[in-house]
Amino acid sequence: MRQQWVNTAAAAISLALLAGCSSQPTTADLMRGQAEEAKAVAKVRDQLADNWESGKSLVAAGEKQVVSGENLVNDGESNIAKGQALIDKGNGQIKKGKARITSGNKQVSKGRQMVDESLESYRKSFPENSVTPPKK
């Protein structure tokens, strides 16, 4: 593609030089045409070199971003796994805690019932004895 561009530029320059003169081009005209062609080729080569350098910089920056992004993804996945493990552990603790609350409430209820029944039974069986502690 660049060679085609150079050839087109050279042809255009040659036609311009020939159109300006009705006679055959001189050696100087041909030299100037070759110089213009060389300038066009140098400009294309310089632009290609600039593009190559820019591309290399973009590749290096992109590769750094890929590595950084992969590290972030790995850290995020690890944090999610840790978070999920903590959620699972927390759910287990909640379940165990609720079971203990239920069991504790049953024990409290049964204990109160036993205290009330034993006090009532004692008072009926031994009405002459006081079960209230003495006041100080």
N, C-alpha and C. Protein backbone atom coordinates (compact mmCIF):
# COMPACT_ATOMS: atom_id res chain seq x y z
N MET A 1 0.82 -1.19 0.00
CA MET A 1 0.00 0.00 0.00
C MET A 1 0.87 1.25 0.00
N ARG A 2 1.92 1.28 0.86
CA ARG A 2 2.78 2.46 0.89
C ARG A 2 3.54 2.62 -0.41
N GLN A 3 3.95 1.49 -1.03
CA GLN A 3 4.66 1.56 -2.30
C GLN A 3 3.74 2.15 -3.37
N GLN A 4 2.47 1.77 -3.32
CA GLN A 4 1.51 2.30 -4.28
C GLN A 4 1.37 3.80 -4.09
N TRP A 5 1.33 4.23 -2.82
CA TRP A 5 1.21 5.66 -2.52
C TRP A 5 2.42 6.41 -3.04
N VAL A 6 3.62 5.83 -2.80
CA VAL A 6 4.86 6.45 -3.28
C VAL A 6 4.85 6.54 -4.80
N ASN A 7 4.46 5.46 -5.45
CA ASN A 7 4.41 5.46 -6.92
C ASN A 7 3.42 6.50 -7.44
N THR A 8 2.28 6.62 -6.79
CA THR A 8 1.27 7.60 -7.19
C THR A 8 1.81 9.01 -7.01
N ALA A 9 2.48 9.25 -5.88
CA ALA A 9 3.04 10.57 -5.62
C ALA A 9 4.11 10.91 -6.66
N ALA A 10 4.95 9.94 -6.97
CA ALA A 10 6.01 10.17 -7.95
C ALA A 10 5.41 10.47 -9.32
N ALA A 11 4.40 9.73 -9.69
CA ALA A 11 3.75 9.94 -10.99
C ALA A 11 3.11 11.33 -11.05
N ALA A 12 2.48 11.74 -9.96
CA ALA A 12 1.83 13.05 -9.92
C ALA A 12 2.87 14.16 -10.04
N ILE A 13 3.98 13.98 -9.37
CA ILE A 13 5.04 14.99 -9.44
C ILE A 13 5.61 15.06 -10.85
N SER A 14 5.84 13.91 -11.43
CA SER A 14 6.38 13.86 -12.81
C SER A 14 5.43 14.51 -13.79
N LEU A 15 4.13 14.23 -13.64
CA LEU A 15 3.14 14.84 -14.55
C LEU A 15 3.10 16.34 -14.38
N ALA A 16 3.22 16.78 -13.14
CA ALA A 16 3.19 18.22 -12.89
C ALA A 16 4.40 18.89 -13.53
N LEU A 17 5.54 18.24 -13.43
CA LEU A 17 6.74 18.80 -14.04
C LEU A 17 6.63 18.81 -15.57
N LEU A 18 6.11 17.72 -16.11
CA LEU A 18 5.97 17.63 -17.56
C LEU A 18 4.91 18.59 -18.09
N ALA A 19 3.86 18.77 -17.34
CA ALA A 19 2.79 19.65 -17.78
C ALA A 19 3.26 21.10 -17.79
N GLY A 20 4.18 21.41 -16.89
CA GLY A 20 4.68 22.78 -16.82
C GLY A 20 5.57 23.13 -18.01
N CYS A 21 6.10 22.16 -18.63
CA CYS A 21 7.02 22.41 -19.75
C CYS A 21 6.48 21.69 -20.99
N SER A 22 6.53 22.38 -22.08
CA SER A 22 6.06 21.73 -23.29
C SER A 22 7.17 20.93 -23.95
N SER A 23 8.37 21.18 -23.52
CA SER A 23 9.49 20.45 -24.10
C SER A 23 9.88 19.30 -23.20
N GLN A 24 10.85 18.53 -23.61
CA GLN A 24 11.32 17.40 -22.82
C GLN A 24 11.91 17.92 -21.50
N PRO A 25 11.71 17.14 -20.36
CA PRO A 25 12.28 17.58 -19.10
C PRO A 25 13.81 17.54 -19.16
N THR A 26 14.36 18.46 -18.45
CA THR A 26 15.81 18.51 -18.40
C THR A 26 16.30 17.54 -17.35
N THR A 27 17.60 17.35 -17.34
CA THR A 27 18.21 16.49 -16.32
C THR A 27 17.93 17.07 -14.93
N ALA A 28 17.95 18.34 -14.81
CA ALA A 28 17.66 18.99 -13.52
C ALA A 28 16.22 18.70 -13.09
N ASP A 29 15.29 18.75 -14.06
CA ASP A 29 13.89 18.45 -13.75
C ASP A 29 13.75 17.00 -13.26
N LEU A 30 14.45 16.09 -13.93
CA LEU A 30 14.40 14.70 -13.51
C LEU A 30 15.01 14.51 -12.11
N MET A 31 16.09 15.19 -11.83
CA MET A 31 16.72 15.12 -10.51
C MET A 31 15.77 15.64 -9.43
N ARG A 32 15.11 16.76 -9.74
CA ARG A 32 14.16 17.32 -8.77
C ARG A 32 12.99 16.35 -8.54
N GLY A 33 12.56 15.71 -9.60
CA GLY A 33 11.48 14.73 -9.48
C GLY A 33 11.88 13.56 -8.59
N GLN A 34 13.12 13.11 -8.78
CA GLN A 34 13.62 12.02 -7.94
C GLN A 34 13.77 12.47 -6.49
N ALA A 35 14.18 13.71 -6.29
CA ALA A 35 14.32 14.24 -4.93
C ALA A 35 12.96 14.32 -4.24
N GLU A 36 11.96 14.76 -4.99
CA GLU A 36 10.60 14.83 -4.43
C GLU A 36 10.09 13.44 -4.09
N GLU A 37 10.38 12.49 -4.96
CA GLU A 37 9.97 11.11 -4.71
C GLU A 37 10.67 10.59 -3.46
N ALA A 38 11.95 10.89 -3.30
CA ALA A 38 12.70 10.45 -2.13
C ALA A 38 12.13 11.08 -0.87
N LYS A 39 11.74 12.36 -0.94
CA LYS A 39 11.11 13.04 0.21
C LYS A 39 9.81 12.35 0.58
N ALA A 40 9.00 12.01 -0.41
CA ALA A 40 7.72 11.34 -0.15
C ALA A 40 7.95 9.98 0.49
N VAL A 41 8.95 9.24 -0.02
CA VAL A 41 9.27 7.93 0.55
C VAL A 41 9.75 8.08 1.98
N ALA A 42 10.62 9.07 2.23
CA ALA A 42 11.14 9.31 3.59
C ALA A 42 10.00 9.68 4.54
N LYS A 43 9.07 10.48 4.05
CA LYS A 43 7.94 10.89 4.90
C LYS A 43 7.08 9.68 5.27
N VAL A 44 6.83 8.80 4.32
CA VAL A 44 6.04 7.59 4.57
C VAL A 44 6.77 6.69 5.56
N ARG A 45 8.08 6.52 5.34
CA ARG A 45 8.87 5.67 6.25
C ARG A 45 8.88 6.25 7.66
N ASP A 46 9.02 7.57 7.75
CA ASP A 46 9.03 8.23 9.07
C ASP A 46 7.67 8.03 9.77
N GLN A 47 6.59 8.17 9.02
CA GLN A 47 5.26 7.98 9.60
C GLN A 47 5.07 6.53 10.05
N LEU A 48 5.54 5.60 9.25
CA LEU A 48 5.44 4.18 9.63
C LEU A 48 6.26 3.90 10.89
N ALA A 49 7.43 4.50 11.00
CA ALA A 49 8.26 4.33 12.21
C ALA A 49 7.54 4.91 13.43
N ASP A 50 6.92 6.08 13.27
CA ASP A 50 6.15 6.68 14.37
C ASP A 50 5.00 5.77 14.78
N ASN A 51 4.29 5.23 13.80
CA ASN A 51 3.17 4.33 14.09
C ASN A 51 3.66 3.08 14.81
N TRP A 52 4.82 2.56 14.40
CA TRP A 52 5.38 1.36 15.03
C TRP A 52 5.69 1.66 16.49
N GLU A 53 6.33 2.80 16.76
CA GLU A 53 6.66 3.17 18.14
C GLU A 53 5.40 3.35 18.98
N SER A 54 4.41 4.01 18.41
CA SER A 54 3.14 4.19 19.13
C SER A 54 2.48 2.85 19.42
N GLY A 55 2.52 1.96 18.44
CA GLY A 55 1.94 0.63 18.62
C GLY A 55 2.65 -0.15 19.71
N LYS A 56 3.98 -0.09 19.72
CA LYS A 56 4.75 -0.79 20.76
C LYS A 56 4.39 -0.25 22.14
N SER A 57 4.25 1.06 22.27
CA SER A 57 3.86 1.65 23.55
C SER A 57 2.48 1.20 23.98
N LEU A 58 1.55 1.15 23.02
CA LEU A 58 0.19 0.69 23.33
C LEU A 58 0.19 -0.77 23.76
N VAL A 59 1.00 -1.59 23.09
CA VAL A 59 1.09 -3.01 23.46
C VAL A 59 1.61 -3.14 24.89
N ALA A 60 2.68 -2.41 25.22
CA ALA A 60 3.26 -2.50 26.57
C ALA A 60 2.26 -2.04 27.63
N ALA A 61 1.59 -0.92 27.36
CA ALA A 61 0.60 -0.41 28.32
C ALA A 61 -0.58 -1.39 28.44
N GLY A 62 -1.01 -1.93 27.31
CA GLY A 62 -2.13 -2.89 27.33
C GLY A 62 -1.78 -4.15 28.10
N GLU A 63 -0.55 -4.65 27.90
CA GLU A 63 -0.14 -5.86 28.62
C GLU A 63 -0.11 -5.61 30.13
N LYS A 64 0.34 -4.43 30.54
CA LYS A 64 0.33 -4.09 31.97
C LYS A 64 -1.11 -4.05 32.49
N GLN A 65 -2.00 -3.48 31.71
CA GLN A 65 -3.40 -3.42 32.14
C GLN A 65 -4.01 -4.82 32.23
N VAL A 66 -3.64 -5.69 31.31
CA VAL A 66 -4.17 -7.06 31.35
C VAL A 66 -3.71 -7.75 32.63
N VAL A 67 -2.41 -7.63 32.95
CA VAL A 67 -1.89 -8.26 34.17
C VAL A 67 -2.57 -7.68 35.40
N SER A 68 -2.70 -6.36 35.43
CA SER A 68 -3.37 -5.71 36.55
C SER A 68 -4.83 -6.15 36.66
N GLY A 69 -5.50 -6.23 35.53
CA GLY A 69 -6.90 -6.67 35.52
C GLY A 69 -7.05 -8.10 35.98
N GLU A 70 -6.13 -8.97 35.53
CA GLU A 70 -6.19 -10.37 35.96
C GLU A 70 -5.98 -10.48 37.47
N ASN A 71 -5.06 -9.68 38.00
CA ASN A 71 -4.83 -9.68 39.45
C ASN A 71 -6.08 -9.22 40.20
N LEU A 72 -6.73 -8.19 39.69
CA LEU A 72 -7.96 -7.70 40.34
C LEU A 72 -9.06 -8.75 40.28
N VAL A 73 -9.18 -9.42 39.16
CA VAL A 73 -10.20 -10.47 39.03
C VAL A 73 -9.91 -11.59 40.03
N ASN A 74 -8.64 -12.02 40.11
CA ASN A 74 -8.28 -13.09 41.05
C ASN A 74 -8.56 -12.67 42.49
N ASP A 75 -8.18 -11.43 42.84
CA ASP A 75 -8.45 -10.94 44.19
C ASP A 75 -9.95 -10.89 44.47
N GLY A 76 -10.70 -10.40 43.49
CA GLY A 76 -12.15 -10.32 43.65
C GLY A 76 -12.79 -11.68 43.84
N GLU A 77 -12.36 -12.64 43.04
CA GLU A 77 -12.90 -14.00 43.17
C GLU A 77 -12.54 -14.60 44.52
N SER A 78 -11.32 -14.34 44.97
CA SER A 78 -10.89 -14.83 46.29
C SER A 78 -11.73 -14.19 47.40
N ASN A 79 -11.96 -12.88 47.28
CA ASN A 79 -12.77 -12.18 48.28
C ASN A 79 -14.21 -12.68 48.28
N ILE A 80 -14.73 -12.97 47.09
CA ILE A 80 -16.09 -13.51 47.01
C ILE A 80 -16.15 -14.88 47.69
N ALA A 81 -15.14 -15.70 47.44
CA ALA A 81 -15.11 -17.03 48.06
C ALA A 81 -15.04 -16.90 49.58
N LYS A 82 -14.17 -16.00 50.05
CA LYS A 82 -14.06 -15.78 51.50
C LYS A 82 -15.38 -15.24 52.05
N GLY A 83 -15.96 -14.30 51.31
CA GLY A 83 -17.24 -13.73 51.74
C GLY A 83 -18.34 -14.77 51.78
N GLN A 84 -18.36 -15.64 50.77
CA GLN A 84 -19.38 -16.69 50.75
C GLN A 84 -19.17 -17.65 51.91
N ALA A 85 -17.90 -17.96 52.22
CA ALA A 85 -17.62 -18.84 53.35
C ALA A 85 -18.07 -18.18 54.65
N LEU A 86 -17.85 -16.87 54.77
CA LEU A 86 -18.30 -16.16 55.97
C LEU A 86 -19.83 -16.11 56.05
N ILE A 87 -20.47 -15.94 54.92
CA ILE A 87 -21.94 -15.95 54.89
C ILE A 87 -22.46 -17.31 55.32
N ASP A 88 -21.85 -18.36 54.77
CA ASP A 88 -22.27 -19.72 55.15
C ASP A 88 -22.05 -19.96 56.64
N LYS A 89 -20.89 -19.54 57.14
CA LYS A 89 -20.59 -19.70 58.56
C LYS A 89 -21.58 -18.90 59.40
N GLY A 90 -21.86 -17.66 58.98
CA GLY A 90 -22.81 -16.82 59.70
C GLY A 90 -24.21 -17.42 59.70
N ASN A 91 -24.63 -17.97 58.56
CA ASN A 91 -25.95 -18.62 58.51
C ASN A 91 -26.01 -19.82 59.44
N GLY A 92 -24.91 -20.57 59.50
CA GLY A 92 -24.85 -21.71 60.43
C GLY A 92 -24.93 -21.26 61.87
N GLN A 93 -24.23 -20.18 62.19
CA GLN A 93 -24.27 -19.66 63.56
C GLN A 93 -25.67 -19.14 63.91
N ILE A 94 -26.32 -18.49 62.96
CA ILE A 94 -27.69 -18.01 63.20
C ILE A 94 -28.62 -19.18 63.46
N LYS A 95 -28.50 -20.22 62.65
CA LYS A 95 -29.36 -21.40 62.81
C LYS A 95 -29.11 -22.04 64.18
N LYS A 96 -27.83 -22.19 64.54
CA LYS A 96 -27.48 -22.79 65.83
C LYS A 96 -27.96 -21.91 66.98
N GLY A 97 -27.80 -20.60 66.82
CA GLY A 97 -28.25 -19.66 67.85
C GLY A 97 -29.76 -19.70 68.04
N LYS A 98 -30.50 -19.76 66.94
CA LYS A 98 -31.96 -19.83 67.04
C LYS A 98 -32.40 -21.13 67.71
N ALA A 99 -31.69 -22.22 67.39
CA ALA A 99 -32.01 -23.50 68.03
C ALA A 99 -31.75 -23.42 69.53
N ARG A 100 -30.65 -22.77 69.92
CA ARG A 100 -30.35 -22.61 71.35
C ARG A 100 -31.40 -21.73 72.03
N ILE A 101 -31.84 -20.68 71.34
CA ILE A 101 -32.88 -19.81 71.92
C ILE A 101 -34.15 -20.60 72.14
N THR A 102 -34.55 -21.39 71.14
CA THR A 102 -35.76 -22.21 71.26
C THR A 102 -35.62 -23.19 72.42
N SER A 103 -34.47 -23.86 72.48
CA SER A 103 -34.22 -24.82 73.56
C SER A 103 -34.19 -24.12 74.91
N GLY A 104 -33.53 -22.96 74.96
CA GLY A 104 -33.46 -22.20 76.21
C GLY A 104 -34.83 -21.74 76.67
N ASN A 105 -35.66 -21.28 75.75
CA ASN A 105 -37.02 -20.84 76.10
C ASN A 105 -37.84 -22.01 76.64
N LYS A 106 -37.66 -23.20 76.04
CA LYS A 106 -38.37 -24.38 76.54
C LYS A 106 -37.91 -24.73 77.95
N GLN A 107 -36.58 -24.65 78.18
CA GLN A 107 -36.06 -24.94 79.52
C GLN A 107 -36.55 -23.93 80.54
N VAL A 108 -36.57 -22.66 80.17
CA VAL A 108 -37.07 -21.62 81.08
C VAL A 108 -38.53 -21.88 81.41
N SER A 109 -39.32 -22.19 80.40
CA SER A 109 -40.74 -22.45 80.61
C SER A 109 -40.94 -23.66 81.53
N LYS A 110 -40.23 -24.74 81.22
CA LYS A 110 -40.35 -25.96 82.03
C LYS A 110 -39.84 -25.71 83.45
N GLY A 111 -38.72 -24.98 83.57
CA GLY A 111 -38.17 -24.67 84.90
C GLY A 111 -39.13 -23.84 85.73
N ARG A 112 -39.75 -22.83 85.13
CA ARG A 112 -40.72 -22.00 85.86
C ARG A 112 -41.92 -22.83 86.31
N GLN A 113 -42.34 -23.71 85.40
CA GLN A 113 -43.46 -24.58 85.75
C GLN A 113 -43.10 -25.48 86.93
N MET A 114 -41.89 -26.06 86.90
CA MET A 114 -41.44 -26.92 88.00
C MET A 114 -41.33 -26.14 89.30
N VAL A 115 -40.81 -24.90 89.24
CA VAL A 115 -40.70 -24.06 90.45
C VAL A 115 -42.08 -23.77 91.00
N ASP A 116 -42.98 -23.36 90.14
CA ASP A 116 -44.33 -23.04 90.60
C ASP A 116 -45.03 -24.26 91.18
N GLU A 117 -44.92 -25.39 90.48
CA GLU A 117 -45.58 -26.61 90.96
C GLU A 117 -44.98 -27.09 92.29
N SER A 118 -43.65 -27.03 92.41
CA SER A 118 -43.04 -27.50 93.66
C SER A 118 -43.37 -26.57 94.82
N LEU A 119 -43.41 -25.27 94.58
CA LEU A 119 -43.78 -24.32 95.64
C LEU A 119 -45.23 -24.53 96.06
N GLU A 120 -46.09 -24.71 95.09
CA GLU A 120 -47.51 -24.93 95.40
C GLU A 120 -47.68 -26.25 96.16
N SER A 121 -47.01 -27.27 95.70
CA SER A 121 -47.09 -28.57 96.37
C SER A 121 -46.52 -28.47 97.79
N TYR A 122 -45.42 -27.78 97.98
CA TYR A 122 -44.83 -27.64 99.32
C TYR A 122 -45.79 -26.91 100.23
N ARG A 123 -46.37 -25.83 99.77
CA ARG A 123 -47.30 -25.05 100.58
C ARG A 123 -48.52 -25.88 100.96
N LYS A 124 -48.99 -26.73 100.05
CA LYS A 124 -50.14 -27.57 100.37
C LYS A 124 -49.75 -28.67 101.36
N SER A 125 -48.56 -29.21 101.13
CA SER A 125 -48.12 -30.32 101.98
C SER A 125 -47.66 -29.83 103.35
N PHE A 126 -47.08 -28.68 103.44
CA PHE A 126 -46.53 -28.15 104.71
C PHE A 126 -47.01 -26.72 104.91
N PRO A 127 -48.29 -26.52 105.18
CA PRO A 127 -48.83 -25.17 105.30
C PRO A 127 -48.26 -24.41 106.51
N GLU A 128 -47.78 -25.14 107.52
CA GLU A 128 -47.28 -24.49 108.72
C GLU A 128 -45.89 -23.90 108.56
N ASN A 129 -45.15 -24.34 107.54
CA ASN A 129 -43.79 -23.84 107.31
C ASN A 129 -43.80 -22.76 106.21
N SER A 130 -43.08 -21.72 106.53
CA SER A 130 -42.97 -20.64 105.57
C SER A 130 -41.77 -20.88 104.65
N VAL A 131 -41.97 -20.68 103.41
CA VAL A 131 -40.87 -20.85 102.45
C VAL A 131 -40.37 -19.51 101.98
N THR A 132 -40.86 -18.46 102.60
CA THR A 132 -40.38 -17.14 102.23
C THR A 132 -39.15 -16.85 103.09
N PRO A 133 -38.05 -16.41 102.52
CA PRO A 133 -36.85 -16.15 103.32
C PRO A 133 -37.10 -15.03 104.31
N PRO A 134 -36.47 -15.11 105.48
CA PRO A 134 -36.68 -14.06 106.49
C PRO A 134 -36.12 -12.72 105.99
N LYS A 135 -36.77 -11.63 106.44
CA LYS A 135 -36.35 -10.30 106.03
C LYS A 135 -35.24 -9.84 106.98
N LYS A 136 -34.30 -9.16 106.47
CA LYS A 136 -33.16 -8.70 107.27
C LYS A 136 -33.37 -7.33 107.81
